[in-house]
Amino acid sequence: VIVGLVDHTRALVDGPKSGVARQLVPYKRMVLTDIKMKAGRGSRSATVAKKWESEKIDEQWSKSSLGKKAARKAHKAAMTDFDRFSLMVAKKNKSALIKKKIGA
């Protein structure tokens, strides 16, 4: 959550429920979404956390395309060697079935 604007290159960011510590972040490193939350300028972390819960930001994030992409990335990073092997075999089998079906 952008809590305040410092200058033309940085903003004060706080994410008490998402694990982001209160810090200054350059605009170049930010990705803006359509998710909005009403919070006063310079709001404290506790206030931001209450608003976060009341406006169900986590649910909105999980429904967004960026949230889904982050979840896929986390799932893929958590895969074991056997999981990756099983996925590879499943992809090969699927590809073989498709080729057999269309006669390529």
Foldseek 3Di string as FASTA:
>chain_A
DFQACDDPFWTFDDDPPVPDHTDIDGPVPDDDDPDDWDDHRPDDNVVVVVRCVVVVVVVVLCPDPVNVVVVVVVVVVPDDPVRVVVVVVVVVVVVVVVCVVVVD
